[in-house]
Amino acid sequence: MLFFETETPDGWAIPGLHGNSAADEMDGYVQGSVFLIKSEGEALIFDTGNRAPGTENSMSPRLLANLERDRVTLRWIFISHFHYDHTGAAKELRARYGAKVVCHPIERPIIEDPLFVTRRQNAERFGTTPEQLTEDFNLASGETLALSDPSVIERYWNFPVKVDAEVKGGDVIEVGALKLEVVDLPGHSPGQIGLWNPATRSLYSADLSNFPSPLAPYPIGNAEKHVQSLLHAKSLRPVYYWEGHFFGTYSEAATQRRLDHLLQQQHDTSERIVTVLGRAGRPQTIAEILPELFPVKLDAAYPVPTGVTRRSAYAEACIQTHLHWLVARQKVARIKDQGLVKWTVVETA
């Protein structure tokens, strides 16, 4: 069910499909968001929403109808990061309108070939290996974690699209009379980018507001960089703060409160991890930390099939990225105990 959209100072915003099934999240649950920015007959689409494989459930029909209604020339398809719920309709839009697909160079290999995320080269380009990425989670034999299962990616995420241009923070994209500035917002994803329209003080922030975040193992997910990205967003002092899920905030004061809340969530996560480890009085695995850190099931915990059991892979990845940040600050130590990776508080004098 999709029955409303929102006019913005730049164009429009549409909520839509986020998950992978015909009935998933079209009724106001954790919807994805697609934004159009237009000026003088030209337009840019910021992210494209998802499509559910094997069903007619897709953002494409609504996006196509709106573009035809507005009679604009779609020049750009801007993909903030590689996750399936932001790329699903890109190929169809590119084929129909000849618009150029743009993304950050780090995200490009996965956008053009989603199965790249499961290959060894994806980890190696960040200076690690698949084994090192997942070692912290003490997976059982045969278990996979989140983005490491090719069968899951092929079934639900396989929406490849050719990228026409790479952009990074500081680059400018022209749409009609507008000069839109690319903003680096890494953390949730290593090459996540947003757009800043200084004319309306609008920040298109993609999944900067996701919590728990980051949702991928360190160093691909990075809690420290995520906090830095939130601070960068605050420094712009947006009036309009458009999010990748739901729409966002519509005044400078509300945006600052929203970003302050997100920063507090991230700092509280780190502090609670130290408290949980200290209270336990012994080294803990990530699986042991999880129930006390997130005692109420979060929507974004997403129990994920692992080939053996189901794990809250994204929440666990969030914990792991914070643990590595705490290790870097010498507040927590990573140890091996009876063949398991565990974490313990660093005692201070």
C-alpha atoms as a PDB file:
ATOM      1  CA  MET A   1       0.000   0.000   0.000  1.00  0.00           C
ATOM      2  CA  LEU A   2       1.411   3.358  -1.028  1.00  0.00           C
ATOM      3  CA  PHE A   3      -0.972   6.280  -0.975  1.00  0.00           C
ATOM      4  CA  PHE A   4       0.894   9.459  -0.189  1.00  0.00           C
ATOM      5  CA  GLU A   5       3.910  11.524  -1.061  1.00  0.00           C
ATOM      6  CA  THR A   6       5.309  14.766   0.337  1.00  0.00           C
ATOM      7  CA  GLU A   7       6.138  17.968  -1.487  1.00  0.00           C
ATOM      8  CA  THR A   8       9.535  19.375  -0.548  1.00  0.00           C
ATOM      9  CA  PRO A   9      11.174  22.740  -1.296  1.00  0.00           C
ATOM     10  CA  ASP A  10      13.205  20.879  -3.946  1.00  0.00           C
ATOM     11  CA  GLY A  11      10.578  18.596  -5.468  1.00  0.00           C
ATOM     12  CA  TRP A  12       8.996  15.609  -3.772  1.00  0.00           C
ATOM     13  CA  ALA A  13       9.610  12.689  -1.451  1.00  0.00           C
ATOM     14  CA  ILE A  14       7.970   9.267  -1.712  1.00  0.00           C
ATOM     15  CA  PRO A  15       7.998   6.507   0.919  1.00  0.00           C
ATOM     16  CA  GLY A  16       8.180   2.985  -0.392  1.00  0.00           C
ATOM     17  CA  LEU A  17       9.375  -0.567  -0.314  1.00  0.00           C
ATOM     18  CA  HIS A  18      12.283  -1.405   1.923  1.00  0.00           C
ATOM     19  CA  GLY A  19      12.130  -5.173   2.489  1.00  0.00           C
ATOM     20  CA  ASN A  20      12.120  -8.206   0.232  1.00  0.00           C
ATOM     21  CA  SER A  21       8.597  -9.645   0.181  1.00  0.00           C
ATOM     22  CA  ALA A  22       5.404  -8.675  -1.638  1.00  0.00           C
ATOM     23  CA  ALA A  23       3.804  -7.452   1.601  1.00  0.00           C
ATOM     24  CA  ASP A  24       6.901  -6.099   3.303  1.00  0.00           C
ATOM     25  CA  GLU A  25       6.984  -2.597   4.733  1.00  0.00           C
ATOM     26  CA  MET A  26       4.658  -0.761   2.357  1.00  0.00           C
ATOM     27  CA  ASP A  27       2.356   0.304   5.175  1.00  0.00           C
ATOM     28  CA  GLY A  28       4.452   2.706   7.234  1.00  0.00           C
ATOM     29  CA  TYR A  29       6.777   0.296   9.030  1.00  0.00           C
ATOM     30  CA  VAL A  30      10.424   0.831   7.998  1.00  0.00           C
ATOM     31  CA  GLN A  31       9.846   2.331   4.601  1.00  0.00           C
ATOM     32  CA  GLY A  32      12.576   3.495   2.294  1.00  0.00           C
ATOM     33  CA  SER A  33      12.505   7.016   0.877  1.00  0.00           C
ATOM     34  CA  VAL A  34      13.087   8.334  -2.624  1.00  0.00           C
ATOM     35  CA  PHE A  35      13.624  12.046  -3.299  1.00  0.00           C
ATOM     36  CA  LEU A  36      13.377  14.123  -6.453  1.00  0.00           C
ATOM     37  CA  ILE A  37      15.263  17.398  -6.798  1.00  0.00           C
ATOM     38  CA  LYS A  38      14.211  19.511  -9.784  1.00  0.00           C
ATOM     39  CA  SER A  39      15.047  22.867 -11.307  1.00  0.00           C
ATOM     40  CA  GLU A  40      14.251  24.461 -14.675  1.00  0.00           C
ATOM     41  CA  GLY A  41      12.904  21.244 -16.182  1.00  0.00           C
ATOM     42  CA  GLU A  42      15.799  19.040 -15.058  1.00  0.00           C
ATOM     43  CA  ALA A  43      15.763  16.521 -12.240  1.00  0.00           C
ATOM     44  CA  LEU A  44      17.861  14.252 -10.047  1.00  0.00           C
ATOM     45  CA  ILE A  45      16.558  11.164  -8.234  1.00  0.00           C
ATOM     46  CA  PHE A  46      18.218  10.548  -4.865  1.00  0.00           C
ATOM     47  CA  ASP A  47      18.151   6.757  -4.341  1.00  0.00           C
ATOM     48  CA  THR A  48      15.561   4.563  -6.045  1.00  0.00           C
ATOM     49  CA  GLY A  49      13.949   2.315  -3.440  1.00  0.00           C
ATOM     50  CA  ASN A  50      13.725  -1.446  -3.558  1.00  0.00           C
ATOM     51  CA  ARG A  51      11.951  -4.081  -5.603  1.00  0.00           C
ATOM     52  CA  ALA A  52      10.845  -7.490  -4.318  1.00  0.00           C
ATOM     53  CA  PRO A  53      12.147 -10.266  -6.594  1.00  0.00           C
ATOM     54  CA  GLY A  54       9.436 -12.407  -8.155  1.00  0.00           C
ATOM     55  CA  THR A  55       6.658  -9.922  -7.349  1.00  0.00           C
ATOM     56  CA  GLU A  56       5.172  -6.745  -8.777  1.00  0.00           C
ATOM     57  CA  ASN A  57       6.100  -4.946  -5.572  1.00  0.00           C
ATOM     58  CA  SER A  58       8.489  -2.196  -6.608  1.00  0.00           C
ATOM     59  CA  MET A  59       9.081   1.520  -6.348  1.00  0.00           C
ATOM     60  CA  SER A  60       9.424   1.759 -10.137  1.00  0.00           C
ATOM     61  CA  PRO A  61       5.773   2.305 -11.197  1.00  0.00           C
ATOM     62  CA  ARG A  62       5.260   5.184  -8.774  1.00  0.00           C
ATOM     63  CA  LEU A  63       8.551   6.823  -9.695  1.00  0.00           C
ATOM     64  CA  LEU A  64       7.847   6.500 -13.415  1.00  0.00           C
ATOM     65  CA  ALA A  65       4.341   7.937 -12.996  1.00  0.00           C
ATOM     66  CA  ASN A  66       5.618  10.932 -11.048  1.00  0.00           C
ATOM     67  CA  LEU A  67       8.409  11.675 -13.498  1.00  0.00           C
ATOM     68  CA  GLU A  68       5.972  11.544 -16.424  1.00  0.00           C
ATOM     69  CA  ARG A  69       3.534  13.784 -14.562  1.00  0.00           C
ATOM     70  CA  ASP A  70       6.212  16.370 -13.786  1.00  0.00           C
ATOM     71  CA  ARG A  71       7.517  16.399 -17.378  1.00  0.00           C
ATOM     72  CA  VAL A  72      11.081  16.808 -16.250  1.00  0.00           C
ATOM     73  CA  THR A  73      14.253  15.561 -17.869  1.00  0.00           C
ATOM     74  CA  LEU A  74      15.836  13.075 -15.480  1.00  0.00           C
ATOM     75  CA  ARG A  75      19.557  13.814 -15.743  1.00  0.00           C
ATOM     76  CA  TRP A  76      20.938  12.030 -12.687  1.00  0.00           C
ATOM     77  CA  ILE A  77      20.296   8.924 -10.597  1.00  0.00           C
ATOM     78  CA  PHE A  78      22.252   9.499  -7.399  1.00  0.00           C
ATOM     79  CA  ILE A  79      22.915   6.332  -5.364  1.00  0.00           C
ATOM     80  CA  SER A  80      23.961   7.113  -1.804  1.00  0.00           C
ATOM     81  CA  HIS A  81      25.315   3.629  -1.040  1.00  0.00           C
ATOM     82  CA  PHE A  82      25.152   0.069  -2.274  1.00  0.00           C
ATOM     83  CA  HIS A  83      22.363  -1.381  -0.089  1.00  0.00           C
ATOM     84  CA  TYR A  84      19.544  -3.022  -2.033  1.00  0.00           C
ATOM     85  CA  ASP A  85      16.801  -0.746  -0.683  1.00  0.00           C
ATOM     86  CA  HIS A  86      18.505   2.233  -2.339  1.00  0.00           C
ATOM     87  CA  THR A  87      19.348   0.705  -5.728  1.00  0.00           C
ATOM     88  CA  GLY A  88      16.425  -1.532  -6.755  1.00  0.00           C
ATOM     89  CA  ALA A  89      14.850   0.679  -9.453  1.00  0.00           C
ATOM     90  CA  ALA A  90      18.049   2.302 -10.769  1.00  0.00           C
ATOM     91  CA  LYS A  91      18.506   0.037 -13.786  1.00  0.00           C
ATOM     92  CA  GLU A  92      14.946   0.582 -15.006  1.00  0.00           C
ATOM     93  CA  LEU A  93      15.156   4.357 -14.586  1.00  0.00           C
ATOM     94  CA  ARG A  94      18.508   4.515 -16.367  1.00  0.00           C
ATOM     95  CA  ALA A  95      17.223   2.442 -19.302  1.00  0.00           C
ATOM     96  CA  ARG A  96      14.042   4.497 -19.687  1.00  0.00           C
ATOM     97  CA  TYR A  97      15.451   8.010 -19.354  1.00  0.00           C
ATOM     98  CA  GLY A  98      19.123   7.699 -20.191  1.00  0.00           C
ATOM     99  CA  ALA A  99      19.985   9.379 -16.908  1.00  0.00           C
ATOM    100  CA  LYS A 100      23.507   9.042 -15.549  1.00  0.00           C
ATOM    101  CA  VAL A 101      24.008   6.858 -12.473  1.00  0.00           C
ATOM    102  CA  VAL A 102      26.465   8.342  -9.988  1.00  0.00           C
ATOM    103  CA  CYS A 103      27.917   6.957  -6.755  1.00  0.00           C
ATOM    104  CA  HIS A 104      31.057   6.971  -4.610  1.00  0.00           C
ATOM    105  CA  PRO A 105      33.973   4.926  -6.047  1.00  0.00           C
ATOM    106  CA  ILE A 106      34.079   2.650  -2.970  1.00  0.00           C
ATOM    107  CA  GLU A 107      30.449   1.634  -3.526  1.00  0.00           C
ATOM    108  CA  ARG A 108      30.699   1.213  -7.299  1.00  0.00           C
ATOM    109  CA  PRO A 109      31.913  -2.426  -7.509  1.00  0.00           C
ATOM    110  CA  ILE A 110      28.912  -3.668  -5.493  1.00  0.00           C
ATOM    111  CA  ILE A 111      26.380  -1.450  -7.269  1.00  0.00           C
ATOM    112  CA  GLU A 112      27.547  -2.801 -10.627  1.00  0.00           C
ATOM    113  CA  ASP A 113      27.825  -6.393  -9.328  1.00  0.00           C
ATOM    114  CA  PRO A 114      25.997  -6.971  -6.015  1.00  0.00           C
ATOM    115  CA  LEU A 115      27.629 -10.382  -5.530  1.00  0.00           C
ATOM    116  CA  PHE A 116      30.979  -8.612  -5.212  1.00  0.00           C
ATOM    117  CA  VAL A 117      30.041  -7.978  -1.569  1.00  0.00           C
ATOM    118  CA  THR A 118      30.432 -11.723  -0.867  1.00  0.00           C
ATOM    119  CA  ARG A 119      33.839 -12.097  -2.544  1.00  0.00           C
ATOM    120  CA  ARG A 120      37.268 -12.043  -0.961  1.00  0.00           C
ATOM    121  CA  GLN A 121      38.267  -8.956  -2.967  1.00  0.00           C
ATOM    122  CA  ASN A 122      35.663  -6.868  -1.156  1.00  0.00           C
ATOM    123  CA  ALA A 123      37.322  -7.479   2.211  1.00  0.00           C
ATOM    124  CA  GLU A 124      40.851  -7.268   0.851  1.00  0.00           C
ATOM    125  CA  ARG A 125      40.360  -3.752  -0.488  1.00  0.00           C
ATOM    126  CA  PHE A 126      39.841  -2.645   3.138  1.00  0.00           C
ATOM    127  CA  GLY A 127      43.015  -4.354   4.309  1.00  0.00           C
ATOM    128  CA  THR A 128      41.352  -7.413   5.800  1.00  0.00           C
ATOM    129  CA  THR A 129      39.999 -10.842   4.837  1.00  0.00           C
ATOM    130  CA  PRO A 130      36.552 -12.446   5.106  1.00  0.00           C
ATOM    131  CA  GLU A 131      37.908 -14.620   7.913  1.00  0.00           C
ATOM    132  CA  GLN A 132      39.192 -11.614   9.857  1.00  0.00           C
ATOM    133  CA  LEU A 133      35.947  -9.706   9.281  1.00  0.00           C
ATOM    134  CA  THR A 134      33.846 -12.438  10.891  1.00  0.00           C
ATOM    135  CA  GLU A 135      36.275 -13.883  13.457  1.00  0.00           C
ATOM    136  CA  ASP A 136      34.966 -11.585  16.213  1.00  0.00           C
ATOM    137  CA  PHE A 137      31.512 -13.220  16.007  1.00  0.00           C
ATOM    138  CA  ASN A 138      32.674 -16.775  16.826  1.00  0.00           C
ATOM    139  CA  LEU A 139      30.575 -18.260  14.020  1.00  0.00           C
ATOM    140  CA  ALA A 140      29.882 -21.965  14.058  1.00  0.00           C
ATOM    141  CA  SER A 141      30.990 -24.144  11.179  1.00  0.00           C
ATOM    142  CA  GLY A 142      28.760 -23.380   8.181  1.00  0.00           C
ATOM    143  CA  GLU A 143      27.442 -20.094   9.567  1.00  0.00           C
ATOM    144  CA  THR A 144      27.484 -16.888   7.559  1.00  0.00           C
ATOM    145  CA  LEU A 145      26.865 -13.349   8.748  1.00  0.00           C
ATOM    146  CA  ALA A 146      24.697 -10.693   7.096  1.00  0.00           C
ATOM    147  CA  LEU A 147      26.292  -9.809   3.742  1.00  0.00           C
ATOM    148  CA  SER A 148      28.450 -12.907   3.325  1.00  0.00           C
ATOM    149  CA  ASP A 149      25.894 -15.398   1.914  1.00  0.00           C
ATOM    150  CA  PRO A 150      25.841 -15.398  -1.932  1.00  0.00           C
ATOM    151  CA  SER A 151      22.467 -17.168  -2.085  1.00  0.00           C
ATOM    152  CA  VAL A 152      20.819 -14.382  -0.050  1.00  0.00           C
ATOM    153  CA  ILE A 153      22.435 -11.609  -2.107  1.00  0.00           C
ATOM    154  CA  GLU A 154      21.518 -13.310  -5.382  1.00  0.00           C
ATOM    155  CA  ARG A 155      17.912 -13.797  -4.326  1.00  0.00           C
ATOM    156  CA  TYR A 156      17.177 -10.409  -2.739  1.00  0.00           C
ATOM    157  CA  TRP A 157      19.899  -7.895  -3.646  1.00  0.00           C
ATOM    158  CA  ASN A 158      20.848  -8.677  -7.214  1.00  0.00           C
ATOM    159  CA  PHE A 159      19.922  -5.410  -8.979  1.00  0.00           C
ATOM    160  CA  PRO A 160      23.094  -4.541 -10.904  1.00  0.00           C
ATOM    161  CA  VAL A 161      23.254  -1.231 -12.751  1.00  0.00           C
ATOM    162  CA  LYS A 162      26.053   0.375 -14.741  1.00  0.00           C
ATOM    163  CA  VAL A 163      27.569   3.415 -13.040  1.00  0.00           C
ATOM    164  CA  ASP A 164      28.331   6.352 -15.328  1.00  0.00           C
ATOM    165  CA  ALA A 165      30.293   8.604 -12.983  1.00  0.00           C
ATOM    166  CA  GLU A 166      31.981   8.562  -9.583  1.00  0.00           C
ATOM    167  CA  VAL A 167      31.635  11.430  -7.117  1.00  0.00           C
ATOM    168  CA  LYS A 168      33.107  12.290  -3.720  1.00  0.00           C
ATOM    169  CA  GLY A 169      32.618  14.911  -1.047  1.00  0.00           C
ATOM    170  CA  GLY A 170      33.132  18.409  -2.433  1.00  0.00           C
ATOM    171  CA  ASP A 171      32.061  17.546  -5.984  1.00  0.00           C
ATOM    172  CA  VAL A 172      29.180  19.559  -7.459  1.00  0.00           C
ATOM    173  CA  ILE A 173      26.277  18.191  -9.510  1.00  0.00           C
ATOM    174  CA  GLU A 174      24.294  20.705 -11.551  1.00  0.00           C
ATOM    175  CA  VAL A 175      20.534  20.306 -11.909  1.00  0.00           C
ATOM    176  CA  GLY A 176      18.990  23.213 -13.797  1.00  0.00           C
ATOM    177  CA  ALA A 177      20.024  26.328 -11.874  1.00  0.00           C
ATOM    178  CA  LEU A 178      20.993  24.334  -8.764  1.00  0.00           C
ATOM    179  CA  LYS A 179      24.518  23.437  -7.729  1.00  0.00           C
ATOM    180  CA  LEU A 180      24.224  20.441  -5.414  1.00  0.00           C
ATOM    181  CA  GLU A 181      27.222  19.588  -3.247  1.00  0.00           C
ATOM    182  CA  VAL A 182      28.231  15.965  -2.594  1.00  0.00           C
ATOM    183  CA  VAL A 183      28.801  15.260   1.115  1.00  0.00           C
ATOM    184  CA  ASP A 184      30.857  12.326   2.412  1.00  0.00           C
ATOM    185  CA  LEU A 185      28.903  10.493   5.153  1.00  0.00           C
ATOM    186  CA  PRO A 186      30.782   7.220   5.796  1.00  0.00           C
ATOM    187  CA  GLY A 187      30.244   4.848   8.706  1.00  0.00           C
ATOM    188  CA  HIS A 188      26.994   3.075   7.915  1.00  0.00           C
ATOM    189  CA  SER A 189      28.646   2.142   4.629  1.00  0.00           C
ATOM    190  CA  PRO A 190      32.249   2.966   3.708  1.00  0.00           C
ATOM    191  CA  GLY A 191      31.372   5.132   0.715  1.00  0.00           C
ATOM    192  CA  GLN A 192      28.011   6.511   1.771  1.00  0.00           C
ATOM    193  CA  ILE A 193      27.402   9.986   0.361  1.00  0.00           C
ATOM    194  CA  GLY A 194      24.655  12.569   0.648  1.00  0.00           C
ATOM    195  CA  LEU A 195      23.661  15.751  -1.137  1.00  0.00           C
ATOM    196  CA  TRP A 196      23.510  19.305   0.183  1.00  0.00           C
ATOM    197  CA  ASN A 197      21.360  21.932  -1.526  1.00  0.00           C
ATOM    198  CA  PRO A 198      22.546  25.281  -0.129  1.00  0.00           C
ATOM    199  CA  ALA A 199      19.673  27.088  -1.881  1.00  0.00           C
ATOM    200  CA  THR A 200      17.107  25.497   0.439  1.00  0.00           C
ATOM    201  CA  ARG A 201      19.534  24.297   3.158  1.00  0.00           C
ATOM    202  CA  SER A 202      18.421  20.735   2.497  1.00  0.00           C
ATOM    203  CA  LEU A 203      20.615  17.763   3.437  1.00  0.00           C
ATOM    204  CA  TYR A 204      19.819  14.418   1.835  1.00  0.00           C
ATOM    205  CA  SER A 205      21.450  12.146   4.393  1.00  0.00           C
ATOM    206  CA  ALA A 206      20.704   8.592   3.153  1.00  0.00           C
ATOM    207  CA  ASP A 207      21.126   6.125   6.061  1.00  0.00           C
ATOM    208  CA  LEU A 208      23.138   8.379   8.342  1.00  0.00           C
ATOM    209  CA  SER A 209      20.226   8.164  10.816  1.00  0.00           C
ATOM    210  CA  ASN A 210      20.059   4.359  10.985  1.00  0.00           C
ATOM    211  CA  PHE A 211      20.359   2.871  14.476  1.00  0.00           C
ATOM    212  CA  PRO A 212      21.845   0.519  15.390  1.00  0.00           C
ATOM    213  CA  SER A 213      24.565   1.564  12.998  1.00  0.00           C
ATOM    214  CA  PRO A 214      26.960   0.651  11.465  1.00  0.00           C
ATOM    215  CA  LEU A 215      25.328  -2.518  10.168  1.00  0.00           C
ATOM    216  CA  ALA A 216      28.396  -4.244   8.729  1.00  0.00           C
ATOM    217  CA  PRO A 217      31.506  -5.614  10.449  1.00  0.00           C
ATOM    218  CA  TYR A 218      34.524  -3.386  11.067  1.00  0.00           C
ATOM    219  CA  PRO A 219      36.345  -1.936   9.103  1.00  0.00           C
ATOM    220  CA  ILE A 220      33.594  -1.827   6.452  1.00  0.00           C
ATOM    221  CA  GLY A 221      31.228  -0.533   9.119  1.00  0.00           C
ATOM    222  CA  ASN A 222      32.890   2.092  11.285  1.00  0.00           C
ATOM    223  CA  ALA A 223      31.332   3.589  14.426  1.00  0.00           C
ATOM    224  CA  GLU A 224      33.941   6.337  14.751  1.00  0.00           C
ATOM    225  CA  LYS A 225      33.409   7.505  11.168  1.00  0.00           C
ATOM    226  CA  HIS A 226      29.657   7.359  11.674  1.00  0.00           C
ATOM    227  CA  VAL A 227      29.926   9.765  14.608  1.00  0.00           C
ATOM    228  CA  GLN A 228      32.187  12.045  12.555  1.00  0.00           C
ATOM    229  CA  SER A 229      29.574  12.044   9.772  1.00  0.00           C
ATOM    230  CA  LEU A 230      26.844  13.041  12.227  1.00  0.00           C
ATOM    231  CA  LEU A 231      29.019  15.934  13.417  1.00  0.00           C
ATOM    232  CA  HIS A 232      29.647  16.955   9.802  1.00  0.00           C
ATOM    233  CA  ALA A 233      25.887  16.982   9.173  1.00  0.00           C
ATOM    234  CA  LYS A 234      25.358  19.137  12.270  1.00  0.00           C
ATOM    235  CA  SER A 235      27.967  21.645  11.095  1.00  0.00           C
ATOM    236  CA  LEU A 236      25.980  22.304   7.914  1.00  0.00           C
ATOM    237  CA  ARG A 237      23.018  23.436  10.058  1.00  0.00           C
ATOM    238  CA  PRO A 238      20.363  22.055   7.695  1.00  0.00           C
ATOM    239  CA  VAL A 239      16.825  23.373   7.773  1.00  0.00           C
ATOM    240  CA  TYR A 240      15.559  20.271   5.995  1.00  0.00           C
ATOM    241  CA  TYR A 241      17.070  16.924   6.950  1.00  0.00           C
ATOM    242  CA  TRP A 242      15.884  14.170   4.600  1.00  0.00           C
ATOM    243  CA  GLU A 243      16.479  10.592   5.771  1.00  0.00           C
ATOM    244  CA  GLY A 244      16.709   7.302   3.914  1.00  0.00           C
ATOM    245  CA  HIS A 245      13.879   5.857   6.033  1.00  0.00           C
ATOM    246  CA  PHE A 246      10.933   8.054   6.861  1.00  0.00           C
ATOM    247  CA  PHE A 247      11.305  11.661   5.809  1.00  0.00           C
ATOM    248  CA  GLY A 248      13.169  13.636   8.451  1.00  0.00           C
ATOM    249  CA  THR A 249      12.911  17.076  10.033  1.00  0.00           C
ATOM    250  CA  TYR A 250      11.804  20.434   8.650  1.00  0.00           C
ATOM    251  CA  SER A 251      13.402  23.175  10.766  1.00  0.00           C
ATOM    252  CA  GLU A 252      16.949  23.939  11.842  1.00  0.00           C
ATOM    253  CA  ALA A 253      16.113  23.466  15.530  1.00  0.00           C
ATOM    254  CA  ALA A 254      14.408  20.120  14.944  1.00  0.00           C
ATOM    255  CA  THR A 255      17.284  18.917  12.779  1.00  0.00           C
ATOM    256  CA  GLN A 256      19.839  19.786  15.443  1.00  0.00           C
ATOM    257  CA  ARG A 257      17.764  17.895  18.041  1.00  0.00           C
ATOM    258  CA  ARG A 258      17.540  14.889  15.723  1.00  0.00           C
ATOM    259  CA  LEU A 259      21.280  14.822  15.113  1.00  0.00           C
ATOM    260  CA  ASP A 260      22.048  15.369  18.804  1.00  0.00           C
ATOM    261  CA  HIS A 261      19.794  12.410  19.614  1.00  0.00           C
ATOM    262  CA  LEU A 262      21.618  10.205  17.117  1.00  0.00           C
ATOM    263  CA  LEU A 263      24.996  11.245  18.514  1.00  0.00           C
ATOM    264  CA  GLN A 264      23.800  10.482  22.028  1.00  0.00           C
ATOM    265  CA  GLN A 265      22.650   7.022  20.916  1.00  0.00           C
ATOM    266  CA  GLN A 266      26.098   6.252  19.552  1.00  0.00           C
ATOM    267  CA  HIS A 267      27.972   7.555  22.605  1.00  0.00           C
ATOM    268  CA  ASP A 268      25.546   5.725  24.910  1.00  0.00           C
ATOM    269  CA  THR A 269      26.170   2.490  22.995  1.00  0.00           C
ATOM    270  CA  SER A 270      29.902   2.710  23.653  1.00  0.00           C
ATOM    271  CA  GLU A 271      29.409   3.626  27.301  1.00  0.00           C
ATOM    272  CA  ARG A 272      26.906   0.826  27.879  1.00  0.00           C
ATOM    273  CA  ILE A 273      29.278  -1.722  26.368  1.00  0.00           C
ATOM    274  CA  VAL A 274      31.929  -0.723  28.913  1.00  0.00           C
ATOM    275  CA  THR A 275      29.316  -0.900  31.698  1.00  0.00           C
ATOM    276  CA  VAL A 276      28.099  -4.341  30.597  1.00  0.00           C
ATOM    277  CA  LEU A 277      31.650  -5.702  30.442  1.00  0.00           C
ATOM    278  CA  GLY A 278      32.541  -4.201  33.809  1.00  0.00           C
ATOM    279  CA  ARG A 279      29.421  -5.589  35.474  1.00  0.00           C
ATOM    280  CA  ALA A 280      30.067  -9.073  34.077  1.00  0.00           C
ATOM    281  CA  GLY A 281      33.465  -9.171  35.759  1.00  0.00           C
ATOM    282  CA  ARG A 282      34.843 -11.479  33.089  1.00  0.00           C
ATOM    283  CA  PRO A 283      35.531 -11.352  29.345  1.00  0.00           C
ATOM    284  CA  GLN A 284      32.384 -11.519  27.182  1.00  0.00           C
ATOM    285  CA  THR A 285      31.628 -12.524  23.595  1.00  0.00           C
ATOM    286  CA  ILE A 286      29.546 -10.257  21.359  1.00  0.00           C
ATOM    287  CA  ALA A 287      26.654 -12.712  21.670  1.00  0.00           C
ATOM    288  CA  GLU A 288      26.852 -12.373  25.466  1.00  0.00           C
ATOM    289  CA  ILE A 289      26.946  -8.569  25.312  1.00  0.00           C
ATOM    290  CA  LEU A 290      23.939  -8.337  22.976  1.00  0.00           C
ATOM    291  CA  PRO A 291      20.976  -9.172  25.294  1.00  0.00           C
ATOM    292  CA  GLU A 292      21.953  -6.607  27.916  1.00  0.00           C
ATOM    293  CA  LEU A 293      23.003  -3.905  25.476  1.00  0.00           C
ATOM    294  CA  PHE A 294      19.796  -4.170  23.436  1.00  0.00           C
ATOM    295  CA  PRO A 295      17.375  -5.742  25.943  1.00  0.00           C
ATOM    296  CA  VAL A 296      14.292  -4.796  23.926  1.00  0.00           C
ATOM    297  CA  LYS A 297      14.132  -6.164  20.400  1.00  0.00           C
ATOM    298  CA  LEU A 298      14.973  -3.389  17.976  1.00  0.00           C
ATOM    299  CA  ASP A 299      13.259  -3.213  14.594  1.00  0.00           C
ATOM    300  CA  ALA A 300      16.679  -3.102  13.005  1.00  0.00           C
ATOM    301  CA  ALA A 301      17.948  -6.164  14.895  1.00  0.00           C
ATOM    302  CA  TYR A 302      16.783  -8.199  11.883  1.00  0.00           C
ATOM    303  CA  PRO A 303      17.388 -11.847  12.842  1.00  0.00           C
ATOM    304  CA  VAL A 304      19.298 -13.182   9.845  1.00  0.00           C
ATOM    305  CA  PRO A 305      19.546 -16.832   8.754  1.00  0.00           C
ATOM    306  CA  THR A 306      23.177 -17.892   9.016  1.00  0.00           C
ATOM    307  CA  GLY A 307      23.040 -21.365   7.540  1.00  0.00           C
ATOM    308  CA  VAL A 308      22.913 -22.870  11.052  1.00  0.00           C
ATOM    309  CA  THR A 309      20.894 -20.605  13.346  1.00  0.00           C
ATOM    310  CA  ARG A 310      19.453 -17.084  13.241  1.00  0.00           C
ATOM    311  CA  ARG A 311      21.504 -14.206  14.618  1.00  0.00           C
ATOM    312  CA  SER A 312      20.846 -10.515  15.120  1.00  0.00           C
ATOM    313  CA  ALA A 313      23.623  -9.906  12.660  1.00  0.00           C
ATOM    314  CA  TYR A 314      23.213  -6.155  12.217  1.00  0.00           C
ATOM    315  CA  ALA A 315      22.932  -5.396  15.935  1.00  0.00           C
ATOM    316  CA  GLU A 316      25.945  -7.632  16.557  1.00  0.00           C
ATOM    317  CA  ALA A 317      27.882  -5.805  13.841  1.00  0.00           C
ATOM    318  CA  CYS A 318      27.019  -2.501  15.515  1.00  0.00           C
ATOM    319  CA  ILE A 319      28.427  -3.800  18.801  1.00  0.00           C
ATOM    320  CA  GLN A 320      31.563  -5.054  17.070  1.00  0.00           C
ATOM    321  CA  THR A 321      32.286  -1.714  15.406  1.00  0.00           C
ATOM    322  CA  HIS A 322      31.952   0.031  18.768  1.00  0.00           C
ATOM    323  CA  LEU A 323      34.221  -2.556  20.400  1.00  0.00           C
ATOM    324  CA  HIS A 324      36.951  -1.828  17.859  1.00  0.00           C
ATOM    325  CA  TRP A 325      36.553   1.896  18.484  1.00  0.00           C
ATOM    326  CA  LEU A 326      36.833   1.241  22.242  1.00  0.00           C
ATOM    327  CA  VAL A 327      39.974  -0.840  21.635  1.00  0.00           C
ATOM    328  CA  ALA A 328      41.479   2.075  19.687  1.00  0.00           C
ATOM    329  CA  ARG A 329      40.754   4.332  22.680  1.00  0.00           C
ATOM    330  CA  GLN A 330      42.301   1.732  25.037  1.00  0.00           C
ATOM    331  CA  LYS A 331      39.079   1.303  27.000  1.00  0.00           C
ATOM    332  CA  VAL A 332      38.504  -2.323  25.989  1.00  0.00           C
ATOM    333  CA  ALA A 333      40.828  -5.190  25.073  1.00  0.00           C
ATOM    334  CA  ARG A 334      40.201  -8.016  22.615  1.00  0.00           C
ATOM    335  CA  ILE A 335      41.410 -11.419  23.807  1.00  0.00           C
ATOM    336  CA  LYS A 336      41.235 -15.086  22.877  1.00  0.00           C
ATOM    337  CA  ASP A 337      39.782 -17.337  25.579  1.00  0.00           C
ATOM    338  CA  GLN A 338      39.363 -21.074  24.976  1.00  0.00           C
ATOM    339  CA  GLY A 339      39.240 -20.524  21.232  1.00  0.00           C
ATOM    340  CA  LEU A 340      36.662 -17.717  21.409  1.00  0.00           C
ATOM    341  CA  VAL A 341      37.132 -14.013  20.741  1.00  0.00           C
ATOM    342  CA  LYS A 342      36.095 -12.088  23.846  1.00  0.00           C
ATOM    343  CA  TRP A 343      36.278  -8.533  25.116  1.00  0.00           C
ATOM    344  CA  THR A 344      37.206  -7.127  28.492  1.00  0.00           C
ATOM    345  CA  VAL A 345      37.505  -3.728  30.153  1.00  0.00           C
ATOM    346  CA  VAL A 346      41.009  -2.268  30.326  1.00  0.00           C
ATOM    347  CA  GLU A 347      41.818  -1.600  33.967  1.00  0.00           C
ATOM    348  CA  THR A 348      43.078   1.901  34.651  1.00  0.00           C
ATOM    349  CA  ALA A 349      45.371   2.879  37.502  1.00  0.00           C
END
